Amino acid sequence: FEREISSLVVTADQTGDPVGIITKTDVIESLTWERDDRN
């Protein structure tokens, strides 16, 4: 929101190397994760 962007490059904690992507889609999808008792 602060930078007006929709995704960030993910870096490793220790080395700072780029290892992946996190997008608004990924965050929205985290809201749809199912609990174990759901289909």
PDB file of all heavy atoms in Angstrom:
ATOM      1  N   PHE A   1       0.824  -1.205   0.000  1.00  0.00           N
ATOM      2  CA  PHE A   1       0.000   0.000   0.000  1.00  0.00           C
ATOM      3  C   PHE A   1       0.864   1.263   0.000  1.00  0.00           C
ATOM      4  O   PHE A   1       0.571   2.225  -0.710  1.00  0.00           O
ATOM      5  CB  PHE A   1      -0.934   0.000   1.202  1.00  0.00           C
ATOM      6  CG  PHE A   1      -2.107  -0.937   1.063  1.00  0.00           C
ATOM      7  CD1 PHE A   1      -2.880  -1.280   2.152  1.00  0.00           C
ATOM      8  CD2 PHE A   1      -2.441  -1.484  -0.169  1.00  0.00           C
ATOM      9  CE1 PHE A   1      -3.972  -2.136   2.027  1.00  0.00           C
ATOM     10  CE2 PHE A   1      -3.513  -2.343  -0.306  1.00  0.00           C
ATOM     11  CZ  PHE A   1      -4.290  -2.665   0.783  1.00  0.00           C
ATOM     12  N   GLU A   2       1.920   1.265   0.803  1.00  0.00           N
ATOM     13  CA  GLU A   2       2.769   2.452   0.900  1.00  0.00           C
ATOM     14  C   GLU A   2       3.478   2.733  -0.414  1.00  0.00           C
ATOM     15  O   GLU A   2       3.626   3.893  -0.822  1.00  0.00           O
ATOM     16  CB  GLU A   2       3.799   2.271   2.013  1.00  0.00           C
ATOM     17  CG  GLU A   2       3.223   2.367   3.414  1.00  0.00           C
ATOM     18  CD  GLU A   2       4.287   2.199   4.482  1.00  0.00           C
ATOM     19  OE1 GLU A   2       5.437   1.838   4.129  1.00  0.00           O
ATOM     20  OE2 GLU A   2       3.979   2.427   5.662  1.00  0.00           O
ATOM     21  N   ARG A   3       3.928   1.666  -1.105  1.00  0.00           N
ATOM     22  CA  ARG A   3       4.695   1.847  -2.338  1.00  0.00           C
ATOM     23  C   ARG A   3       3.817   1.786  -3.589  1.00  0.00           C
ATOM     24  O   ARG A   3       4.307   1.952  -4.699  1.00  0.00           O
ATOM     25  CB  ARG A   3       5.784   0.774  -2.415  1.00  0.00           C
ATOM     26  CG  ARG A   3       6.770   0.786  -1.250  1.00  0.00           C
ATOM     27  CD  ARG A   3       7.584   2.066  -1.206  1.00  0.00           C
ATOM     28  NE  ARG A   3       8.460   2.179  -2.359  1.00  0.00           N
ATOM     29  CZ  ARG A   3       9.723   1.731  -2.389  1.00  0.00           C
ATOM     30  NH1 ARG A   3      10.245   1.157  -1.300  1.00  0.00           N
ATOM     31  NH2 ARG A   3      10.464   1.868  -3.468  1.00  0.00           N
ATOM     32  N   GLU A   4       2.524   1.509  -3.399  1.00  0.00           N
ATOM     33  CA  GLU A   4       1.578   1.403  -4.516  1.00  0.00           C
ATOM     34  C   GLU A   4       2.039   0.366  -5.538  1.00  0.00           C
ATOM     35  O   GLU A   4       2.120   0.620  -6.735  1.00  0.00           O
ATOM     36  CB  GLU A   4       1.377   2.766  -5.185  1.00  0.00           C
ATOM     37  CG  GLU A   4       0.758   3.795  -4.284  1.00  0.00           C
ATOM     38  CD  GLU A   4       0.477   5.109  -4.996  1.00  0.00           C
ATOM     39  OE1 GLU A   4       1.222   5.437  -5.945  1.00  0.00           O
ATOM     40  OE2 GLU A   4      -0.489   5.779  -4.629  1.00  0.00           O
ATOM     41  N   ILE A   5       2.332  -0.822  -5.028  1.00  0.00           N
ATOM     42  CA  ILE A   5       2.767  -1.933  -5.863  1.00  0.00           C
ATOM     43  C   ILE A   5       1.949  -3.166  -5.513  1.00  0.00           C
ATOM     44  O   ILE A   5       1.264  -3.201  -4.479  1.00  0.00           O
ATOM     45  CB  ILE A   5       4.273  -2.238  -5.688  1.00  0.00           C
ATOM     46  CG1 ILE A   5       4.596  -2.468  -4.208  1.00  0.00           C
ATOM     47  CG2 ILE A   5       5.111  -1.108  -6.265  1.00  0.00           C
ATOM     48  CD1 ILE A   5       6.051  -2.782  -3.948  1.00  0.00           C
ATOM     49  N   SER A   6       1.994  -4.178  -6.376  1.00  0.00           N
ATOM     50  CA  SER A   6       1.156  -5.355  -6.161  1.00  0.00           C
ATOM     51  C   SER A   6       1.943  -6.614  -5.845  1.00  0.00           C
ATOM     52  O   SER A   6       1.359  -7.673  -5.655  1.00  0.00           O
ATOM     53  CB  SER A   6       0.296  -5.614  -7.409  1.00  0.00           C
ATOM     54  OG  SER A   6       1.111  -5.784  -8.545  1.00  0.00           O
ATOM     55  N   SER A   7       3.277  -6.527  -5.796  1.00  0.00           N
ATOM     56  CA  SER A   7       4.071  -7.713  -5.506  1.00  0.00           C
ATOM     57  C   SER A   7       5.467  -7.331  -5.056  1.00  0.00           C
ATOM     58  O   SER A   7       5.963  -6.242  -5.372  1.00  0.00           O
ATOM     59  CB  SER A   7       4.131  -8.617  -6.741  1.00  0.00           C
ATOM     60  OG  SER A   7       4.401  -7.861  -7.891  1.00  0.00           O
ATOM     61  N   LEU A   8       6.088  -8.222  -4.301  1.00  0.00           N
ATOM     62  CA  LEU A   8       7.439  -8.014  -3.791  1.00  0.00           C
ATOM     63  C   LEU A   8       8.305  -9.213  -4.142  1.00  0.00           C
ATOM     64  O   LEU A   8       7.820 -10.353  -4.176  1.00  0.00           O
ATOM     65  CB  LEU A   8       7.432  -7.854  -2.265  1.00  0.00           C
ATOM     66  CG  LEU A   8       6.479  -6.826  -1.652  1.00  0.00           C
ATOM     67  CD1 LEU A   8       6.574  -6.882  -0.132  1.00  0.00           C
ATOM     68  CD2 LEU A   8       6.791  -5.440  -2.151  1.00  0.00           C
ATOM     69  N   VAL A   9       9.574  -8.956  -4.374  1.00  0.00           N
ATOM     70  CA  VAL A   9      10.527 -10.045  -4.560  1.00  0.00           C
ATOM     71  C   VAL A   9      10.932 -10.549  -3.179  1.00  0.00           C
ATOM     72  O   VAL A   9      11.282  -9.760  -2.292  1.00  0.00           O
ATOM     73  CB  VAL A   9      11.759  -9.576  -5.349  1.00  0.00           C
ATOM     74  CG1 VAL A   9      12.805 -10.685  -5.431  1.00  0.00           C
ATOM     75  CG2 VAL A   9      11.347  -9.147  -6.757  1.00  0.00           C
ATOM     76  N   VAL A  10      10.869 -11.848  -2.983  1.00  0.00           N
ATOM     77  CA  VAL A  10      11.197 -12.462  -1.691  1.00  0.00           C
ATOM     78  C   VAL A  10      12.677 -12.821  -1.666  1.00  0.00           C
ATOM     79  O   VAL A  10      13.212 -13.394  -2.630  1.00  0.00           O
ATOM     80  CB  VAL A  10      10.349 -13.726  -1.461  1.00  0.00           C
ATOM     81  CG1 VAL A  10      10.704 -14.374  -0.115  1.00  0.00           C
ATOM     82  CG2 VAL A  10       8.859 -13.378  -1.517  1.00  0.00           C
ATOM     83  N   THR A  11      13.352 -12.481  -0.574  1.00  0.00           N
ATOM     84  CA  THR A  11      14.773 -12.780  -0.437  1.00  0.00           C
ATOM     85  C   THR A  11      15.023 -13.687   0.768  1.00  0.00           C
ATOM     86  O   THR A  11      14.264 -13.667   1.747  1.00  0.00           O
ATOM     87  CB  THR A  11      15.598 -11.490  -0.272  1.00  0.00           C
ATOM     88  OG1 THR A  11      15.138 -10.788   0.898  1.00  0.00           O
ATOM     89  CG2 THR A  11      15.443 -10.594  -1.485  1.00  0.00           C
ATOM     90  N   ALA A  12      16.093 -14.465   0.679  1.00  0.00           N
ATOM     91  CA  ALA A  12      16.489 -15.331   1.785  1.00  0.00           C
ATOM     92  C   ALA A  12      16.940 -14.481   2.962  1.00  0.00           C
ATOM     93  O   ALA A  12      17.600 -13.441   2.785  1.00  0.00           O
ATOM     94  CB  ALA A  12      17.608 -16.264   1.340  1.00  0.00           C
ATOM     95  N   ASP A  13      16.599 -14.900   4.176  1.00  0.00           N
ATOM     96  CA  ASP A  13      16.916 -14.115   5.364  1.00  0.00           C
ATOM     97  C   ASP A  13      18.413 -13.894   5.542  1.00  0.00           C
ATOM     98  O   ASP A  13      18.853 -12.801   5.888  1.00  0.00           O
ATOM     99  CB  ASP A  13      16.349 -14.805   6.608  1.00  0.00           C
ATOM    100  CG  ASP A  13      14.843 -14.690   6.684  1.00  0.00           C
ATOM    101  OD1 ASP A  13      14.247 -14.049   5.803  1.00  0.00           O
ATOM    102  OD2 ASP A  13      14.254 -15.251   7.628  1.00  0.00           O
ATOM    103  N   GLN A  14      19.205 -14.932   5.316  1.00  0.00           N
ATOM    104  CA  GLN A  14      20.628 -14.861   5.604  1.00  0.00           C
ATOM    105  C   GLN A  14      21.434 -14.232   4.480  1.00  0.00           C
ATOM    106  O   GLN A  14      22.284 -13.380   4.717  1.00  0.00           O
ATOM    107  CB  GLN A  14      21.169 -16.277   5.897  1.00  0.00           C
ATOM    108  CG  GLN A  14      20.494 -16.969   7.066  1.00  0.00           C
ATOM    109  CD  GLN A  14      20.646 -16.192   8.360  1.00  0.00           C
ATOM    110  OE1 GLN A  14      21.690 -15.588   8.623  1.00  0.00           O
ATOM    111  NE2 GLN A  14      19.601 -16.185   9.189  1.00  0.00           N
ATOM    112  N   THR A  15      21.162 -14.635   3.238  1.00  0.00           N
ATOM    113  CA  THR A  15      21.997 -14.202   2.111  1.00  0.00           C
ATOM    114  C   THR A  15      21.453 -13.000   1.360  1.00  0.00           C
ATOM    115  O   THR A  15      22.197 -12.306   0.669  1.00  0.00           O
ATOM    116  CB  THR A  15      22.170 -15.354   1.117  1.00  0.00           C
ATOM    117  OG1 THR A  15      20.894 -15.669   0.527  1.00  0.00           O
ATOM    118  CG2 THR A  15      22.737 -16.586   1.811  1.00  0.00           C
ATOM    119  N   GLY A  16      20.143 -12.770   1.434  1.00  0.00           N
ATOM    120  CA  GLY A  16      19.546 -11.689   0.668  1.00  0.00           C
ATOM    121  C   GLY A  16      19.341 -12.023  -0.790  1.00  0.00           C
ATOM    122  O   GLY A  16      18.946 -11.157  -1.585  1.00  0.00           O
ATOM    123  N   ASP A  17      19.574 -13.279  -1.174  1.00  0.00           N
ATOM    124  CA  ASP A  17      19.383 -13.688  -2.563  1.00  0.00           C
ATOM    125  C   ASP A  17      17.901 -13.770  -2.895  1.00  0.00           C
ATOM    126  O   ASP A  17      17.084 -14.188  -2.055  1.00  0.00           O
ATOM    127  CB  ASP A  17      20.023 -15.060  -2.815  1.00  0.00           C
ATOM    128  CG  ASP A  17      21.540 -15.027  -2.687  1.00  0.00           C
ATOM    129  OD1 ASP A  17      22.104 -13.941  -2.887  1.00  0.00           O
ATOM    130  OD2 ASP A  17      22.132 -16.079  -2.381  1.00  0.00           O
ATOM    131  N   PRO A  18      17.490 -13.387  -4.122  1.00  0.00           N
ATOM    132  CA  PRO A  18      16.078 -13.528  -4.512  1.00  0.00           C
ATOM    133  C   PRO A  18      15.693 -14.992  -4.613  1.00  0.00           C
ATOM    134  O   PRO A  18      16.372 -15.785  -5.277  1.00  0.00           O
ATOM    135  CB  PRO A  18      16.022 -12.832  -5.873  1.00  0.00           C
ATOM    136  CG  PRO A  18      17.426 -12.843  -6.389  1.00  0.00           C
ATOM    137  CD  PRO A  18      18.305 -12.778  -5.189  1.00  0.00           C
ATOM    138  N   VAL A  19      14.599 -15.365  -3.935  1.00  0.00           N
ATOM    139  CA  VAL A  19      14.197 -16.773  -3.901  1.00  0.00           C
ATOM    140  C   VAL A  19      12.757 -16.990  -4.351  1.00  0.00           C
ATOM    141  O   VAL A  19      12.307 -18.130  -4.466  1.00  0.00           O
ATOM    142  CB  VAL A  19      14.377 -17.379  -2.486  1.00  0.00           C
ATOM    143  CG1 VAL A  19      15.841 -17.420  -2.107  1.00  0.00           C
ATOM    144  CG2 VAL A  19      13.563 -16.589  -1.455  1.00  0.00           C
ATOM    145  N   GLY A  20      12.009 -15.912  -4.594  1.00  0.00           N
ATOM    146  CA  GLY A  20      10.624 -16.109  -4.995  1.00  0.00           C
ATOM    147  C   GLY A  20       9.870 -14.804  -5.109  1.00  0.00           C
ATOM    148  O   GLY A  20      10.454 -13.719  -5.155  1.00  0.00           O
ATOM    149  N   ILE A  21       8.559 -14.924  -5.131  1.00  0.00           N
ATOM    150  CA  ILE A  21       7.641 -13.788  -5.336  1.00  0.00           C
ATOM    151  C   ILE A  21       6.491 -13.889  -4.351  1.00  0.00           C
ATOM    152  O   ILE A  21       6.006 -14.971  -4.056  1.00  0.00           O
ATOM    153  CB  ILE A  21       7.072 -13.828  -6.776  1.00  0.00           C
ATOM    154  CG1 ILE A  21       8.165 -13.513  -7.797  1.00  0.00           C
ATOM    155  CG2 ILE A  21       5.900 -12.869  -6.928  1.00  0.00           C
ATOM    156  CD1 ILE A  21       8.644 -12.086  -7.769  1.00  0.00           C
ATOM    157  N   ILE A  22       6.054 -12.740  -3.829  1.00  0.00           N
ATOM    158  CA  ILE A  22       4.823 -12.678  -3.034  1.00  0.00           C
ATOM    159  C   ILE A  22       3.954 -11.588  -3.657  1.00  0.00           C
ATOM    160  O   ILE A  22       4.417 -10.460  -3.869  1.00  0.00           O
ATOM    161  CB  ILE A  22       5.109 -12.381  -1.536  1.00  0.00           C
ATOM    162  CG1 ILE A  22       3.806 -12.351  -0.720  1.00  0.00           C
ATOM    163  CG2 ILE A  22       5.904 -11.111  -1.340  1.00  0.00           C
ATOM    164  CD1 ILE A  22       3.236 -13.705  -0.428  1.00  0.00           C
ATOM    165  N   THR A  23       2.710 -11.930  -3.997  1.00  0.00           N
ATOM    166  CA  THR A  23       1.815 -10.999  -4.668  1.00  0.00           C
ATOM    167  C   THR A  23       0.554 -10.780  -3.846  1.00  0.00           C
ATOM    168  O   THR A  23       0.288 -11.496  -2.873  1.00  0.00           O
ATOM    169  CB  THR A  23       1.408 -11.548  -6.048  1.00  0.00           C
ATOM    170  OG1 THR A  23       0.538 -12.671  -5.858  1.00  0.00           O
ATOM    171  CG2 THR A  23       2.631 -11.990  -6.848  1.00  0.00           C
ATOM    172  N   LYS A  24      -0.235  -9.803  -4.262  1.00  0.00           N
ATOM    173  CA  LYS A  24      -1.529  -9.608  -3.620  1.00  0.00           C
ATOM    174  C   LYS A  24      -2.389 -10.861  -3.766  1.00  0.00           C
ATOM    175  O   LYS A  24      -3.167 -11.201  -2.874  1.00  0.00           O
ATOM    176  CB  LYS A  24      -2.237  -8.398  -4.226  1.00  0.00           C
ATOM    177  CG  LYS A  24      -1.653  -7.059  -3.800  1.00  0.00           C
ATOM    178  CD  LYS A  24      -2.431  -5.886  -4.376  1.00  0.00           C
ATOM    179  CE  LYS A  24      -1.849  -4.561  -3.893  1.00  0.00           C
ATOM    180  NZ  LYS A  24      -2.555  -3.390  -4.472  1.00  0.00           N
ATOM    181  N   THR A  25      -2.255 -11.539  -4.902  1.00  0.00           N
ATOM    182  CA  THR A  25      -2.986 -12.791  -5.098  1.00  0.00           C
ATOM    183  C   THR A  25      -2.631 -13.792  -4.016  1.00  0.00           C
ATOM    184  O   THR A  25      -3.503 -14.458  -3.456  1.00  0.00           O
ATOM    185  CB  THR A  25      -2.643 -13.397  -6.470  1.00  0.00           C
ATOM    186  OG1 THR A  25      -2.957 -12.468  -7.486  1.00  0.00           O
ATOM    187  CG2 THR A  25      -3.415 -14.683  -6.705  1.00  0.00           C
ATOM    188  N   ASP A  26      -1.341 -13.919  -3.720  1.00  0.00           N
ATOM    189  CA  ASP A  26      -0.901 -14.874  -2.706  1.00  0.00           C
ATOM    190  C   ASP A  26      -1.478 -14.538  -1.337  1.00  0.00           C
ATOM    191  O   ASP A  26      -1.879 -15.431  -0.581  1.00  0.00           O
ATOM    192  CB  ASP A  26       0.628 -14.901  -2.626  1.00  0.00           C
ATOM    193  CG  ASP A  26       1.282 -15.367  -3.907  1.00  0.00           C
ATOM    194  OD1 ASP A  26       0.711 -16.247  -4.567  1.00  0.00           O
ATOM    195  OD2 ASP A  26       2.362 -14.846  -4.250  1.00  0.00           O
ATOM    196  N   VAL A  27      -1.515 -13.244  -1.013  1.00  0.00           N
ATOM    197  CA  VAL A  27      -2.046 -12.847   0.289  1.00  0.00           C
ATOM    198  C   VAL A  27      -3.550 -13.100   0.354  1.00  0.00           C
ATOM    199  O   VAL A  27      -4.073 -13.629   1.347  1.00  0.00           O
ATOM    200  CB  VAL A  27      -1.737 -11.363   0.581  1.00  0.00           C
ATOM    201  CG1 VAL A  27      -2.276 -10.979   1.959  1.00  0.00           C
ATOM    202  CG2 VAL A  27      -0.238 -11.110   0.515  1.00  0.00           C
ATOM    203  N   ILE A  28      -4.266 -12.746  -0.717  1.00  0.00           N
ATOM    204  CA  ILE A  28      -5.702 -13.028  -0.766  1.00  0.00           C
ATOM    205  C   ILE A  28      -5.936 -14.532  -0.631  1.00  0.00           C
ATOM    206  O   ILE A  28      -6.859 -14.973   0.072  1.00  0.00           O
ATOM    207  CB  ILE A  28      -6.306 -12.513  -2.086  1.00  0.00           C
ATOM    208  CG1 ILE A  28      -6.404 -10.991  -2.078  1.00  0.00           C
ATOM    209  CG2 ILE A  28      -7.694 -13.112  -2.323  1.00  0.00           C
ATOM    210  CD1 ILE A  28      -7.494 -10.432  -1.195  1.00  0.00           C
ATOM    211  N   GLU A  29      -5.092 -15.325  -1.285  1.00  0.00           N
ATOM    212  CA  GLU A  29      -5.285 -16.783  -1.227  1.00  0.00           C
ATOM    213  C   GLU A  29      -5.108 -17.324   0.187  1.00  0.00           C
ATOM    214  O   GLU A  29      -5.732 -18.316   0.578  1.00  0.00           O
ATOM    215  CB  GLU A  29      -4.326 -17.484  -2.174  1.00  0.00           C
ATOM    216  CG  GLU A  29      -4.594 -18.981  -2.277  1.00  0.00           C
ATOM    217  CD  GLU A  29      -3.766 -19.652  -3.354  1.00  0.00           C
ATOM    218  OE1 GLU A  29      -2.856 -19.015  -3.891  1.00  0.00           O
ATOM    219  OE2 GLU A  29      -4.048 -20.825  -3.634  1.00  0.00           O
ATOM    220  N   SER A  30      -4.264 -16.663   0.988  1.00  0.00           N
ATOM    221  CA  SER A  30      -4.075 -17.132   2.363  1.00  0.00           C
ATOM    222  C   SER A  30      -5.373 -17.059   3.156  1.00  0.00           C
ATOM    223  O   SER A  30      -5.560 -17.798   4.126  1.00  0.00           O
ATOM    224  CB  SER A  30      -2.986 -16.306   3.064  1.00  0.00           C
ATOM    225  OG  SER A  30      -3.444 -15.000   3.369  1.00  0.00           O
ATOM    226  N   LEU A  31      -6.299 -16.190   2.738  1.00  0.00           N
ATOM    227  CA  LEU A  31      -7.597 -16.087   3.410  1.00  0.00           C
ATOM    228  C   LEU A  31      -8.501 -17.256   3.067  1.00  0.00           C
ATOM    229  O   LEU A  31      -9.530 -17.468   3.711  1.00  0.00           O
ATOM    230  CB  LEU A  31      -8.296 -14.788   3.018  1.00  0.00           C
ATOM    231  CG  LEU A  31      -7.523 -13.489   3.237  1.00  0.00           C
ATOM    232  CD1 LEU A  31      -8.367 -12.307   2.794  1.00  0.00           C
ATOM    233  CD2 LEU A  31      -7.105 -13.353   4.684  1.00  0.00           C
ATOM    234  N   THR A  32      -8.150 -18.015   2.036  1.00  0.00           N
ATOM    235  CA  THR A  32      -9.007 -19.119   1.602  1.00  0.00           C
ATOM    236  C   THR A  32      -8.495 -20.465   2.079  1.00  0.00           C
ATOM    237  O   THR A  32      -9.103 -21.485   1.781  1.00  0.00           O
ATOM    238  CB  THR A  32      -9.107 -19.164   0.066  1.00  0.00           C
ATOM    239  OG1 THR A  32      -7.865 -19.626  -0.498  1.00  0.00           O
ATOM    240  CG2 THR A  32      -9.441 -17.808  -0.500  1.00  0.00           C
ATOM    241  N   TRP A  33      -7.361 -20.487   2.807  1.00  0.00           N
ATOM    242  CA  TRP A  33      -6.843 -21.754   3.295  1.00  0.00           C
ATOM    243  C   TRP A  33      -7.901 -22.459   4.116  1.00  0.00           C
ATOM    244  O   TRP A  33      -8.605 -21.857   4.931  1.00  0.00           O
ATOM    245  CB  TRP A  33      -5.604 -21.545   4.159  1.00  0.00           C
ATOM    246  CG  TRP A  33      -4.398 -21.144   3.377  1.00  0.00           C
ATOM    247  CD1 TRP A  33      -4.179 -21.299   2.051  1.00  0.00           C
ATOM    248  CD2 TRP A  33      -3.244 -20.480   3.902  1.00  0.00           C
ATOM    249  NE1 TRP A  33      -2.969 -20.791   1.699  1.00  0.00           N
ATOM    250  CE2 TRP A  33      -2.371 -20.285   2.809  1.00  0.00           C
ATOM    251  CE3 TRP A  33      -2.858 -20.049   5.168  1.00  0.00           C
ATOM    252  CZ2 TRP A  33      -1.128 -19.670   2.957  1.00  0.00           C
ATOM    253  CZ3 TRP A  33      -1.627 -19.443   5.318  1.00  0.00           C
ATOM    254  CH2 TRP A  33      -0.775 -19.260   4.223  1.00  0.00           C
ATOM    255  N   GLU A  34      -7.997 -23.748   3.917  1.00  0.00           N
ATOM    256  CA  GLU A  34      -9.031 -24.525   4.591  1.00  0.00           C
ATOM    257  C   GLU A  34      -8.530 -25.113   5.906  1.00  0.00           C
ATOM    258  O   GLU A  34      -7.397 -25.577   6.001  1.00  0.00           O
ATOM    259  CB  GLU A  34      -9.482 -25.680   3.684  1.00  0.00           C
ATOM    260  CG  GLU A  34     -10.196 -25.229   2.432  1.00  0.00           C
ATOM    261  CD  GLU A  34     -11.472 -24.500   2.749  1.00  0.00           C
ATOM    262  OE1 GLU A  34     -12.224 -24.952   3.612  1.00  0.00           O
ATOM    263  OE2 GLU A  34     -11.704 -23.462   2.137  1.00  0.00           O
ATOM    264  N   ARG A  35      -9.368 -25.105   6.899  1.00  0.00           N
ATOM    265  CA  ARG A  35      -9.056 -25.840   8.119  1.00  0.00           C
ATOM    266  C   ARG A  35      -9.195 -27.325   7.844  1.00  0.00           C
ATOM    267  O   ARG A  35      -9.840 -27.748   6.893  1.00  0.00           O
ATOM    268  CB  ARG A  35     -10.013 -25.431   9.242  1.00  0.00           C
ATOM    269  CG  ARG A  35      -9.884 -23.966   9.617  1.00  0.00           C
ATOM    270  CD  ARG A  35     -10.737 -23.656  10.809  1.00  0.00           C
ATOM    271  NE  ARG A  35     -12.125 -24.013  10.576  1.00  0.00           N
ATOM    272  CZ  ARG A  35     -13.029 -24.100  11.531  1.00  0.00           C
ATOM    273  NH1 ARG A  35     -12.701 -23.905  12.765  1.00  0.00           N
ATOM    274  NH2 ARG A  35     -14.281 -24.403  11.239  1.00  0.00           N
ATOM    275  N   ASP A  36      -8.607 -28.153   8.684  1.00  0.00           N
ATOM    276  CA  ASP A  36      -8.559 -29.591   8.429  1.00  0.00           C
ATOM    277  C   ASP A  36      -9.934 -30.235   8.344  1.00  0.00           C
ATOM    278  O   ASP A  36     -10.102 -31.268   7.712  1.00  0.00           O
ATOM    279  CB  ASP A  36      -7.740 -30.295   9.527  1.00  0.00           C
ATOM    280  CG  ASP A  36      -6.269 -29.896   9.463  1.00  0.00           C
ATOM    281  OD1 ASP A  36      -5.835 -29.435   8.393  1.00  0.00           O
ATOM    282  OD2 ASP A  36      -5.580 -30.041  10.489  1.00  0.00           O
ATOM    283  N   ASP A  37     -10.948 -29.619   8.980  1.00  0.00           N
ATOM    284  CA  ASP A  37     -12.266 -30.244   8.989  1.00  0.00           C
ATOM    285  C   ASP A  37     -13.132 -29.780   7.825  1.00  0.00           C
ATOM    286  O   ASP A  37     -14.320 -30.036   7.790  1.00  0.00           O
ATOM    287  CB  ASP A  37     -12.979 -29.969  10.326  1.00  0.00           C
ATOM    288  CG  ASP A  37     -13.179 -28.479  10.574  1.00  0.00           C
ATOM    289  OD1 ASP A  37     -12.495 -27.672   9.910  1.00  0.00           O
ATOM    290  OD2 ASP A  37     -14.012 -28.147  11.435  1.00  0.00           O
ATOM    291  N   ARG A  38     -12.547 -29.108   6.847  1.00  0.00           N
ATOM    292  CA  ARG A  38     -13.312 -28.650   5.705  1.00  0.00           C
ATOM    293  C   ARG A  38     -12.880 -29.401   4.462  1.00  0.00           C
ATOM    294  O   ARG A  38     -11.778 -29.919   4.357  1.00  0.00           O
ATOM    295  CB  ARG A  38     -13.131 -27.141   5.510  1.00  0.00           C
ATOM    296  CG  ARG A  38     -13.693 -26.350   6.688  1.00  0.00           C
ATOM    297  CD  ARG A  38     -13.653 -24.883   6.388  1.00  0.00           C
ATOM    298  NE  ARG A  38     -14.221 -24.165   7.542  1.00  0.00           N
ATOM    299  CZ  ARG A  38     -15.235 -23.356   7.434  1.00  0.00           C
ATOM    300  NH1 ARG A  38     -15.839 -23.151   6.305  1.00  0.00           N
ATOM    301  NH2 ARG A  38     -15.677 -22.724   8.507  1.00  0.00           N
ATOM    302  N   ASN A  39     -13.764 -29.453   3.475  1.00  0.00           N
ATOM    303  CA  ASN A  39     -13.466 -30.181   2.250  1.00  0.00           C
ATOM    304  C   ASN A  39     -12.460 -29.436   1.392  1.00  0.00           C
ATOM    305  O   ASN A  39     -12.439 -28.212   1.345  1.00  0.00           O
ATOM    306  CB  ASN A  39     -14.759 -30.376   1.444  1.00  0.00           C
ATOM    307  CG  ASN A  39     -15.744 -31.269   2.166  1.00  0.00           C
ATOM    308  OD1 ASN A  39     -15.389 -32.328   2.637  1.00  0.00           O
ATOM    309  ND2 ASN A  39     -16.980 -30.820   2.260  1.00  0.00           N
TER     310      ASN A  39
END
